[in-house]
N, C-alpha and C. Protein backbone atom coordinates (compact mmCIF):
# COMPACT_ATOMS: atom_id res chain seq x y z
N MET A 1 115.81 75.20 70.29
CA MET A 1 115.89 75.46 71.91
C MET A 1 114.46 74.54 72.40
N PRO A 2 114.49 73.37 73.27
CA PRO A 2 113.54 73.08 74.04
C PRO A 2 112.81 74.14 74.77
N SER A 3 111.47 73.87 74.99
CA SER A 3 111.04 74.77 75.47
C SER A 3 110.94 74.19 77.24
N ALA A 4 110.73 75.50 78.25
CA ALA A 4 110.54 74.68 79.35
C ALA A 4 109.28 73.95 79.49
N GLN A 5 109.82 73.28 81.07
CA GLN A 5 108.26 71.96 81.10
C GLN A 5 107.40 73.27 81.85
N PRO A 6 106.05 72.90 81.50
CA PRO A 6 104.88 73.58 82.65
C PRO A 6 105.02 73.08 84.43
N GLU A 7 105.18 74.17 85.01
CA GLU A 7 104.84 73.89 86.43
C GLU A 7 103.74 73.00 86.99
N THR A 8 104.47 71.81 87.64
CA THR A 8 102.82 70.97 87.74
C THR A 8 102.92 71.54 89.84
N LEU A 9 101.63 71.84 89.61
CA LEU A 9 100.99 71.57 90.68
C LEU A 9 100.09 70.61 91.30
N THR A 10 99.88 70.11 92.57
CA THR A 10 99.12 69.02 93.03
C THR A 10 97.69 69.78 93.69
N LEU A 11 96.84 69.14 93.24
CA LEU A 11 95.31 69.39 93.88
C LEU A 11 94.81 68.25 94.61
N ASP A 12 95.09 68.18 96.28
CA ASP A 12 94.54 67.53 97.02
C ASP A 12 93.06 67.88 97.46
N ARG A 13 92.39 66.61 98.26
CA ARG A 13 91.00 67.04 98.25
C ARG A 13 90.67 66.91 99.37
N VAL A 14 90.59 67.47 100.80
CA VAL A 14 90.61 67.49 102.19
C VAL A 14 89.29 67.52 102.54
N PRO A 15 88.93 66.69 103.44
CA PRO A 15 87.51 66.22 104.50
C PRO A 15 87.56 67.46 104.81
N THR A 16 86.34 68.47 105.33
CA THR A 16 86.41 69.10 106.77
C THR A 16 85.20 69.48 107.14
N PRO A 17 85.15 69.84 108.64
CA PRO A 17 83.25 70.42 109.07
C PRO A 17 82.87 71.13 107.99
N THR A 18 83.23 71.68 107.42
CA THR A 18 82.65 72.81 106.77
C THR A 18 82.76 72.53 104.81
N GLY A 19 82.71 70.97 105.16
CA GLY A 19 82.92 70.62 103.27
C GLY A 19 84.33 70.36 103.04
N GLU A 20 84.19 69.79 101.52
CA GLU A 20 85.91 69.44 100.94
C GLU A 20 86.66 70.68 100.83
N VAL A 21 87.61 70.65 101.53
CA VAL A 21 88.64 72.15 100.49
C VAL A 21 89.42 71.68 99.79
N LEU A 22 89.91 72.25 98.77
CA LEU A 22 90.64 72.15 97.89
C LEU A 22 91.77 72.32 97.75
N LEU A 23 93.50 71.77 97.95
CA LEU A 23 94.32 72.43 98.80
C LEU A 23 95.65 71.91 97.83
N VAL A 24 96.19 73.10 97.17
CA VAL A 24 96.97 73.27 96.09
C VAL A 24 98.51 73.12 96.20
N THR A 25 99.60 72.36 96.21
CA THR A 25 100.58 72.54 96.39
C THR A 25 101.37 72.54 95.53
N ASP A 26 102.79 73.07 95.65
CA ASP A 26 103.97 72.91 94.36
C ASP A 26 104.98 71.66 95.42
N ALA A 27 105.65 71.87 94.11
CA ALA A 27 106.47 70.51 94.48
C ALA A 27 107.57 70.61 95.45
N GLU A 28 107.69 72.30 96.19
CA GLU A 28 108.62 71.92 97.40
C GLU A 28 107.91 72.03 98.54
N GLY A 29 106.40 71.84 98.69
CA GLY A 29 105.31 72.07 99.58
C GLY A 29 104.94 73.04 100.00
N ALA A 30 104.84 74.46 98.86
CA ALA A 30 104.61 75.26 99.60
C ALA A 30 102.74 75.14 99.04
N VAL A 31 102.13 75.79 99.80
CA VAL A 31 100.59 75.97 99.32
C VAL A 31 100.74 77.29 98.74
N ARG A 32 100.03 77.22 97.23
CA ARG A 32 99.67 77.99 96.45
C ARG A 32 98.47 78.39 96.54
N ALA A 33 97.14 77.42 96.50
CA ALA A 33 95.90 77.80 96.74
C ALA A 33 95.04 76.88 97.69
N LEU A 34 94.33 77.17 98.18
CA LEU A 34 93.20 76.33 98.92
C LEU A 34 91.77 77.19 99.11
N ASP A 35 91.06 76.56 98.57
CA ASP A 35 89.24 76.95 98.36
C ASP A 35 88.21 76.00 98.93
N PHE A 36 86.87 76.08 98.67
CA PHE A 36 86.34 74.86 99.24
C PHE A 36 85.44 74.26 98.16
N ALA A 37 85.08 73.11 98.02
CA ALA A 37 84.69 72.52 96.84
C ALA A 37 83.26 73.44 96.88
N GLY A 38 82.74 73.24 95.10
CA GLY A 38 81.86 74.07 94.73
C GLY A 38 82.70 75.47 94.45
N TYR A 39 83.79 75.66 94.49
CA TYR A 39 84.26 76.72 94.27
C TYR A 39 85.81 76.33 93.59
N GLU A 40 85.82 75.60 93.00
CA GLU A 40 86.70 74.95 92.19
C GLU A 40 86.64 76.03 90.84
N ALA A 41 86.11 76.46 90.16
CA ALA A 41 86.23 77.23 89.12
C ALA A 41 87.04 78.85 89.45
N ARG A 42 86.01 79.29 90.52
CA ARG A 42 87.47 80.56 90.96
C ARG A 42 88.33 79.84 91.61
N MET A 43 88.96 79.01 91.99
CA MET A 43 90.35 78.89 92.10
C MET A 43 91.17 78.46 90.60
N THR A 44 90.49 77.89 90.35
CA THR A 44 91.57 77.39 89.01
C THR A 44 91.26 78.92 88.10
N ARG A 45 90.57 79.49 88.25
CA ARG A 45 90.96 80.78 87.75
C ARG A 45 92.15 81.71 88.38
N LEU A 46 91.94 81.83 89.86
CA LEU A 46 93.15 82.82 90.26
C LEU A 46 94.53 82.08 89.92
N LEU A 47 94.31 80.71 89.69
CA LEU A 47 95.67 80.18 89.43
C LEU A 47 96.18 80.42 88.36
N ALA A 48 94.99 80.29 87.48
CA ALA A 48 95.52 80.95 85.85
C ALA A 48 95.98 82.10 85.98
N ARG A 49 95.49 83.16 86.88
CA ARG A 49 95.90 84.40 86.83
C ARG A 49 97.10 84.55 87.48
N HIS A 50 97.71 84.20 88.10
CA HIS A 50 98.36 83.90 89.26
C HIS A 50 99.88 83.27 88.47
N TRP A 51 99.64 82.01 87.99
CA TRP A 51 100.32 80.80 87.57
C TRP A 51 99.63 80.45 86.38
N PRO A 52 99.94 80.86 85.28
CA PRO A 52 99.73 80.71 84.24
C PRO A 52 100.90 79.54 83.42
N GLY A 53 99.84 78.82 82.87
CA GLY A 53 100.65 77.81 82.55
C GLY A 53 101.04 76.44 83.18
N ALA A 54 101.15 76.54 84.30
CA ALA A 54 100.83 75.71 85.44
C ALA A 54 99.91 74.57 85.35
N ALA A 55 100.13 73.38 85.31
CA ALA A 55 99.45 72.34 84.92
C ALA A 55 99.06 71.96 86.72
N LEU A 56 97.43 71.68 86.79
CA LEU A 56 96.89 70.86 88.03
C LEU A 56 96.70 69.50 87.87
N VAL A 57 97.18 68.71 88.63
CA VAL A 57 96.88 67.18 88.67
C VAL A 57 96.47 66.97 89.75
N GLU A 58 95.75 65.59 90.16
CA GLU A 58 95.21 64.88 91.12
C GLU A 58 96.12 64.72 92.01
N GLY A 59 96.23 64.56 93.53
CA GLY A 59 97.17 63.98 93.82
C GLY A 59 97.24 64.13 95.49
N ARG A 60 98.13 63.87 95.87
CA ARG A 60 98.18 64.18 97.64
C ARG A 60 99.20 65.23 98.41
N ALA A 61 98.97 66.50 98.98
CA ALA A 61 99.53 67.26 99.19
C ALA A 61 100.94 66.38 100.12
N PRO A 62 101.96 67.09 100.61
CA PRO A 62 102.76 66.55 101.31
C PRO A 62 102.18 66.33 103.09
N SER A 63 102.65 65.31 103.55
CA SER A 63 102.03 65.03 104.42
C SER A 63 101.90 66.45 105.97
N ALA A 64 102.97 66.74 105.47
CA ALA A 64 102.62 67.60 106.47
C ALA A 64 101.76 68.54 106.34
N VAL A 65 101.65 69.12 105.27
CA VAL A 65 100.31 70.44 104.90
C VAL A 65 99.46 69.87 105.24
N ARG A 66 99.04 68.75 104.60
CA ARG A 66 97.76 68.34 104.57
C ARG A 66 97.14 67.70 106.18
N THR A 67 98.17 67.37 106.98
CA THR A 67 97.98 67.37 108.69
C THR A 67 97.74 68.90 109.53
N ALA A 68 98.37 69.95 108.48
CA ALA A 68 98.04 70.84 108.95
C ALA A 68 96.62 71.33 109.02
N VAL A 69 96.24 71.33 107.87
CA VAL A 69 95.05 71.72 107.49
C VAL A 69 93.94 71.17 107.97
N GLU A 70 93.79 69.50 108.47
CA GLU A 70 93.33 68.96 109.12
C GLU A 70 92.94 69.52 110.55
N ALA A 71 94.33 69.35 111.09
CA ALA A 71 94.97 69.88 112.50
C ALA A 71 93.60 71.20 113.00
N TYR A 72 93.94 72.19 111.95
CA TYR A 72 93.16 73.34 111.77
C TYR A 72 91.65 73.47 112.12
N PHE A 73 91.35 72.58 111.25
CA PHE A 73 89.86 72.34 111.75
C PHE A 73 89.22 71.27 112.56
N LYS A 74 90.12 70.66 113.06
CA LYS A 74 89.98 69.74 114.40
C LYS A 74 89.63 70.71 115.90
N GLY A 75 90.42 71.87 115.44
CA GLY A 75 90.66 72.93 116.49
C GLY A 75 91.81 73.46 117.05
N ASP A 76 93.13 73.14 116.13
CA ASP A 76 94.67 73.53 116.49
C ASP A 76 94.69 74.71 115.55
N VAL A 77 93.85 76.12 115.85
CA VAL A 77 94.10 77.06 114.89
C VAL A 77 95.23 77.86 114.10
N ALA A 78 96.59 77.43 114.94
CA ALA A 78 97.67 77.61 115.03
C ALA A 78 98.72 76.91 114.16
N ALA A 79 98.03 75.76 113.81
CA ALA A 79 98.26 74.22 113.01
C ALA A 79 98.91 75.02 111.58
N LEU A 80 98.13 76.10 111.17
CA LEU A 80 98.26 76.63 109.90
C LEU A 80 99.31 77.71 109.72
N ASP A 81 100.00 78.13 110.60
CA ASP A 81 100.80 79.73 110.92
C ASP A 81 102.37 79.29 110.39
N GLY A 82 102.40 77.74 110.76
CA GLY A 82 103.73 77.60 109.83
C GLY A 82 104.09 77.23 108.31
N LEU A 83 102.89 77.34 108.11
CA LEU A 83 102.90 76.60 106.26
C LEU A 83 103.35 77.66 105.45
N ARG A 84 104.35 76.97 104.76
CA ARG A 84 104.70 77.55 103.72
C ARG A 84 103.57 78.01 102.46
N ILE A 85 103.38 79.47 102.15
CA ILE A 85 102.52 79.79 100.96
C ILE A 85 103.48 80.85 100.25
N ARG A 86 102.98 80.11 98.51
CA ARG A 86 103.58 81.37 97.59
C ARG A 86 102.79 81.94 96.76
N THR A 87 102.72 83.06 96.73
CA THR A 87 101.41 83.95 96.13
C THR A 87 102.51 84.88 95.09
N ASN A 88 101.59 85.12 93.85
CA ASN A 88 101.95 85.46 92.64
C ASN A 88 101.29 86.77 92.43
N GLY A 89 99.99 87.77 93.28
CA GLY A 89 99.76 88.64 93.17
C GLY A 89 100.43 89.81 93.10
N THR A 90 100.12 90.89 92.40
CA THR A 90 100.89 92.25 92.86
C THR A 90 101.40 92.38 94.26
N GLU A 91 102.63 93.37 94.00
CA GLU A 91 102.91 94.07 95.50
C GLU A 91 102.16 94.37 96.52
N PHE A 92 100.94 95.51 96.09
CA PHE A 92 99.61 95.79 96.63
C PHE A 92 99.13 94.48 97.48
N GLN A 93 98.71 93.64 96.77
CA GLN A 93 97.94 92.19 97.19
C GLN A 93 99.00 91.79 98.26
N ARG A 94 99.99 91.23 97.53
CA ARG A 94 101.01 90.78 98.15
C ARG A 94 100.47 91.22 100.33
N SER A 95 100.92 92.96 99.44
CA SER A 95 100.67 93.27 101.38
C SER A 95 99.93 92.86 102.06
N VAL A 96 98.69 92.68 101.23
CA VAL A 96 97.35 93.01 102.09
C VAL A 96 97.62 91.79 103.01
N TRP A 97 97.76 90.60 101.42
CA TRP A 97 97.72 88.81 102.18
C TRP A 97 98.59 88.86 103.19
N ALA A 98 99.98 89.69 103.40
CA ALA A 98 100.45 89.49 104.78
C ALA A 98 99.89 90.40 105.72
N ALA A 99 99.27 91.30 105.91
CA ALA A 99 98.49 91.74 106.94
C ALA A 99 97.42 90.96 107.34
N LEU A 100 96.79 90.19 106.69
CA LEU A 100 95.71 89.02 106.77
C LEU A 100 96.19 88.34 107.79
N ARG A 101 97.58 87.62 107.59
CA ARG A 101 97.93 86.46 107.81
C ARG A 101 98.45 87.16 109.59
N ALA A 102 98.66 88.64 109.77
CA ALA A 102 99.23 89.06 110.69
C ALA A 102 97.87 89.08 111.72
N ILE A 103 96.67 89.28 111.40
CA ILE A 103 95.60 89.14 112.82
C ILE A 103 95.55 88.04 113.19
N PRO A 104 95.37 88.08 114.49
CA PRO A 104 95.27 87.38 115.08
C PRO A 104 94.26 86.08 115.33
N HIS A 105 94.36 85.07 115.69
CA HIS A 105 93.23 83.87 115.24
C HIS A 105 92.46 84.55 116.84
N GLY A 106 91.11 84.08 115.79
CA GLY A 106 89.68 84.72 116.71
C GLY A 106 89.30 85.90 116.69
N GLU A 107 90.44 87.37 116.08
CA GLU A 107 89.75 88.57 115.84
C GLU A 107 89.42 88.88 114.45
N THR A 108 89.01 90.10 114.34
CA THR A 108 88.41 90.28 112.90
C THR A 108 89.17 91.74 113.05
N ARG A 109 89.02 92.12 111.41
CA ARG A 109 89.43 93.97 111.36
C ARG A 109 88.70 94.32 110.15
N THR A 110 88.30 95.31 110.47
CA THR A 110 87.42 96.04 109.17
C THR A 110 88.28 96.23 107.79
N TYR A 111 87.74 96.77 106.64
CA TYR A 111 88.73 96.67 105.52
C TYR A 111 89.37 98.10 106.04
N GLY A 112 88.89 99.07 106.38
CA GLY A 112 89.98 99.79 107.03
C GLY A 112 90.72 99.61 107.87
N GLN A 113 90.83 98.96 109.10
CA GLN A 113 91.85 98.82 109.46
C GLN A 113 92.90 97.98 108.31
N LEU A 114 92.24 97.02 107.62
CA LEU A 114 93.39 96.19 107.02
C LEU A 114 94.09 97.42 105.77
N ALA A 115 93.63 98.49 105.09
CA ALA A 115 94.42 99.37 104.41
C ALA A 115 95.15 100.00 105.35
N ALA A 116 94.87 100.47 106.81
CA ALA A 116 95.63 101.16 107.60
C ALA A 116 96.96 100.32 107.89
N ALA A 117 96.35 99.06 108.07
CA ALA A 117 97.84 98.21 108.29
C ALA A 117 98.68 97.89 107.46
N ILE A 118 98.61 98.22 106.09
CA ILE A 118 99.33 98.19 105.40
C ILE A 118 99.72 99.73 104.81
N GLY A 119 99.21 100.68 105.85
CA GLY A 119 99.79 101.90 105.54
C GLY A 119 99.93 102.85 104.25
N SER A 120 97.71 102.54 104.15
CA SER A 120 97.52 103.16 103.00
C SER A 120 95.93 103.10 103.25
N PRO A 121 95.65 104.44 104.27
CA PRO A 121 94.32 104.17 105.02
C PRO A 121 93.02 104.54 104.22
N LYS A 122 93.75 104.99 102.53
CA LYS A 122 92.72 105.54 102.07
C LYS A 122 92.35 104.49 100.95
N ALA A 123 93.27 103.23 101.07
CA ALA A 123 92.95 102.66 100.01
C ALA A 123 92.18 101.22 100.52
N VAL A 124 90.55 102.14 101.11
CA VAL A 124 89.83 100.91 101.38
C VAL A 124 89.21 99.43 100.48
N ARG A 125 88.98 100.33 99.08
CA ARG A 125 88.70 99.48 98.05
C ARG A 125 89.24 98.43 97.46
N ALA A 126 90.26 99.26 97.28
CA ALA A 126 92.01 98.60 96.58
C ALA A 126 92.12 97.08 97.65
N ALA A 127 92.26 97.50 99.40
CA ALA A 127 92.14 96.38 100.20
C ALA A 127 91.20 95.35 100.22
N GLY A 128 90.32 95.60 100.02
CA GLY A 128 88.61 95.05 100.08
C GLY A 128 89.11 93.66 98.30
N SER A 129 89.36 94.80 97.44
CA SER A 129 89.70 93.97 96.42
C SER A 129 90.61 92.52 96.28
N ALA A 130 92.09 93.40 97.20
CA ALA A 130 92.65 92.16 97.31
C ALA A 130 92.57 91.07 97.70
N ASN A 131 91.73 91.43 98.86
CA ASN A 131 91.31 90.33 99.99
C ASN A 131 90.55 89.43 99.36
N GLY A 132 89.83 89.89 98.43
CA GLY A 132 88.72 89.29 97.31
C GLY A 132 89.75 88.53 96.52
N GLN A 133 90.50 88.68 96.36
CA GLN A 133 91.59 87.91 94.91
C GLN A 133 92.49 86.94 96.09
N ASN A 134 92.35 87.04 97.17
CA ASN A 134 93.23 85.84 97.76
C ASN A 134 93.15 84.59 97.49
N PRO A 135 94.07 84.05 97.08
CA PRO A 135 94.44 82.11 96.47
C PRO A 135 94.15 81.31 97.20
N ILE A 136 94.69 81.76 98.52
CA ILE A 136 94.51 81.07 99.86
C ILE A 136 93.68 81.20 100.77
N ALA A 137 92.50 80.90 100.65
CA ALA A 137 91.80 80.75 102.16
C ALA A 137 91.89 80.17 102.89
N VAL A 138 91.28 80.59 103.80
CA VAL A 138 91.79 80.14 105.40
C VAL A 138 93.37 80.67 106.05
N ILE A 139 94.11 80.03 105.19
CA ILE A 139 95.41 80.05 105.79
C ILE A 139 96.04 81.87 105.65
N VAL A 140 95.28 82.37 104.58
CA VAL A 140 95.41 83.56 104.21
C VAL A 140 94.19 84.01 104.82
N PRO A 141 93.87 84.26 105.94
CA PRO A 141 92.44 84.42 106.67
C PRO A 141 91.90 85.59 106.48
N CYS A 142 91.30 85.69 105.02
CA CYS A 142 90.52 86.78 104.46
C CYS A 142 89.06 86.55 105.30
N HIS A 143 89.01 85.87 106.06
CA HIS A 143 87.49 85.76 106.49
C HIS A 143 87.26 86.35 107.90
N ARG A 144 88.46 86.75 108.32
CA ARG A 144 88.66 87.90 109.48
C ARG A 144 88.54 89.41 109.08
N VAL A 145 88.22 89.45 108.03
CA VAL A 145 87.63 91.45 107.65
C VAL A 145 86.34 91.13 107.54
N ILE A 146 85.20 91.95 108.21
CA ILE A 146 84.40 92.20 108.39
C ILE A 146 84.24 93.56 107.80
N GLY A 147 82.62 93.87 108.04
CA GLY A 147 82.45 95.34 107.42
C GLY A 147 82.72 96.44 108.65
N ALA A 148 82.82 97.45 107.93
CA ALA A 148 82.70 98.42 109.26
C ALA A 148 81.64 98.85 110.14
N ASN A 149 80.71 97.99 109.74
CA ASN A 149 79.55 97.99 110.88
C ASN A 149 79.61 96.70 112.07
N GLY A 150 80.83 96.34 111.43
CA GLY A 150 80.89 94.56 112.46
C GLY A 150 80.09 93.73 111.65
N THR A 151 79.41 94.12 110.52
CA THR A 151 78.53 92.59 109.63
C THR A 151 79.45 92.02 109.01
N LEU A 152 79.51 90.43 108.92
CA LEU A 152 80.12 89.77 108.23
C LEU A 152 79.35 89.87 106.85
N THR A 153 80.49 90.26 105.84
CA THR A 153 80.21 90.81 104.51
C THR A 153 81.53 90.10 103.54
N GLY A 154 80.75 89.70 102.20
CA GLY A 154 81.53 89.22 101.30
C GLY A 154 82.65 88.21 101.39
N TYR A 155 82.27 86.98 101.14
CA TYR A 155 83.44 85.94 101.59
C TYR A 155 83.25 84.67 100.26
N ALA A 156 84.24 84.41 99.65
CA ALA A 156 83.95 83.30 98.36
C ALA A 156 83.39 82.46 99.05
N GLY A 157 83.55 82.04 99.91
CA GLY A 157 83.42 80.41 100.52
C GLY A 157 81.88 80.50 101.02
N GLY A 158 81.23 81.53 101.24
CA GLY A 158 79.79 81.59 101.98
C GLY A 158 80.34 82.49 103.13
N ILE A 159 78.78 83.28 103.24
CA ILE A 159 78.72 84.03 105.06
C ILE A 159 78.37 82.76 105.81
N GLU A 160 77.71 81.48 105.63
CA GLU A 160 77.72 80.67 106.51
C GLU A 160 78.86 79.99 107.35
N ARG A 161 79.93 79.43 106.17
CA ARG A 161 81.10 78.87 106.26
C ARG A 161 81.99 80.44 106.94
N LYS A 162 81.78 81.62 106.34
CA LYS A 162 82.45 82.80 107.26
C LYS A 162 82.88 82.57 108.99
N ARG A 163 81.18 82.37 109.16
CA ARG A 163 80.73 82.15 110.09
C ARG A 163 81.19 81.17 110.87
N TRP A 164 81.14 80.33 110.80
CA TRP A 164 81.83 78.84 111.12
C TRP A 164 83.70 79.19 111.70
N LEU A 165 83.89 79.46 110.52
CA LEU A 165 85.06 79.87 110.68
C LEU A 165 86.03 80.92 111.91
N LEU A 166 85.20 82.03 111.65
CA LEU A 166 84.92 82.82 112.45
C LEU A 166 84.56 82.13 114.14
N GLU A 167 83.93 81.44 114.32
CA GLU A 167 82.92 80.66 115.78
C GLU A 167 84.26 80.06 115.97
N HIS A 168 84.58 78.94 115.22
CA HIS A 168 85.87 77.91 115.40
C HIS A 168 87.13 78.82 116.30
N GLU A 169 87.29 79.65 115.22
CA GLU A 169 88.54 80.04 115.75
C GLU A 169 88.41 80.67 117.11
N ARG A 170 87.63 81.74 117.77
CA ARG A 170 87.02 82.12 119.08
C ARG A 170 86.83 81.10 119.79
N ALA A 171 86.22 80.19 119.75
CA ALA A 171 86.32 79.12 120.96
C ALA A 171 87.63 78.31 120.97
N SER A 172 88.50 78.24 119.80
CA SER A 172 89.88 77.30 120.28
C SER A 172 90.43 78.57 120.75
N ALA A 173 90.45 79.68 120.64
CA ALA A 173 91.24 80.98 120.72
C ALA A 173 90.90 80.49 123.11
N ARG A 174 89.19 80.72 123.13
CA ARG A 174 89.05 80.87 124.52
C ARG A 174 89.36 79.37 125.13
N THR A 175 89.77 78.07 124.60
CA THR A 175 90.60 77.07 125.20
C THR A 175 91.87 77.21 125.52
N VAL A 176 92.36 77.66 124.67
CA VAL A 176 93.94 78.08 124.90
C VAL A 176 94.48 79.33 125.79
N ALA A 177 93.31 80.29 125.92
CA ALA A 177 93.90 80.86 126.97
C ALA A 177 93.56 80.62 128.51
């Protein structure tokens, strides 16, 4: 009996003001991963964990996806909202990632508020861990989560990039308002 072919995912590299982003899509155009250049090893580990056996090939993301990513970094912070994503974490992780997508542009939440948003107010550390395992940066906006005292804490893409993303979204939100 022939074995099934491994799934092929496409890795595109998109220049942005914060450096090149690594954009991974599947054959249906859903985003599977987004990370920053320099963090490719981390992204590859997360992909292998969530999509074991998937082959990653260099190529170009569907134009609508690539255009949305470019538009976000040019100031249209809502451009990513309609993108389809496909994650494969645990049910808890997926609930955290969905809660992240519900945080409005230009706003932040603490880890405690994130845990409460998914109905698990005592699971602050677990919510933080799920936040850190998010394979789709920016689109699943883990950068919008801050420490209980309001400080910018842990971000896989670096604190300076987190600061840039938050300021970018706040400035864009003020322009729209």
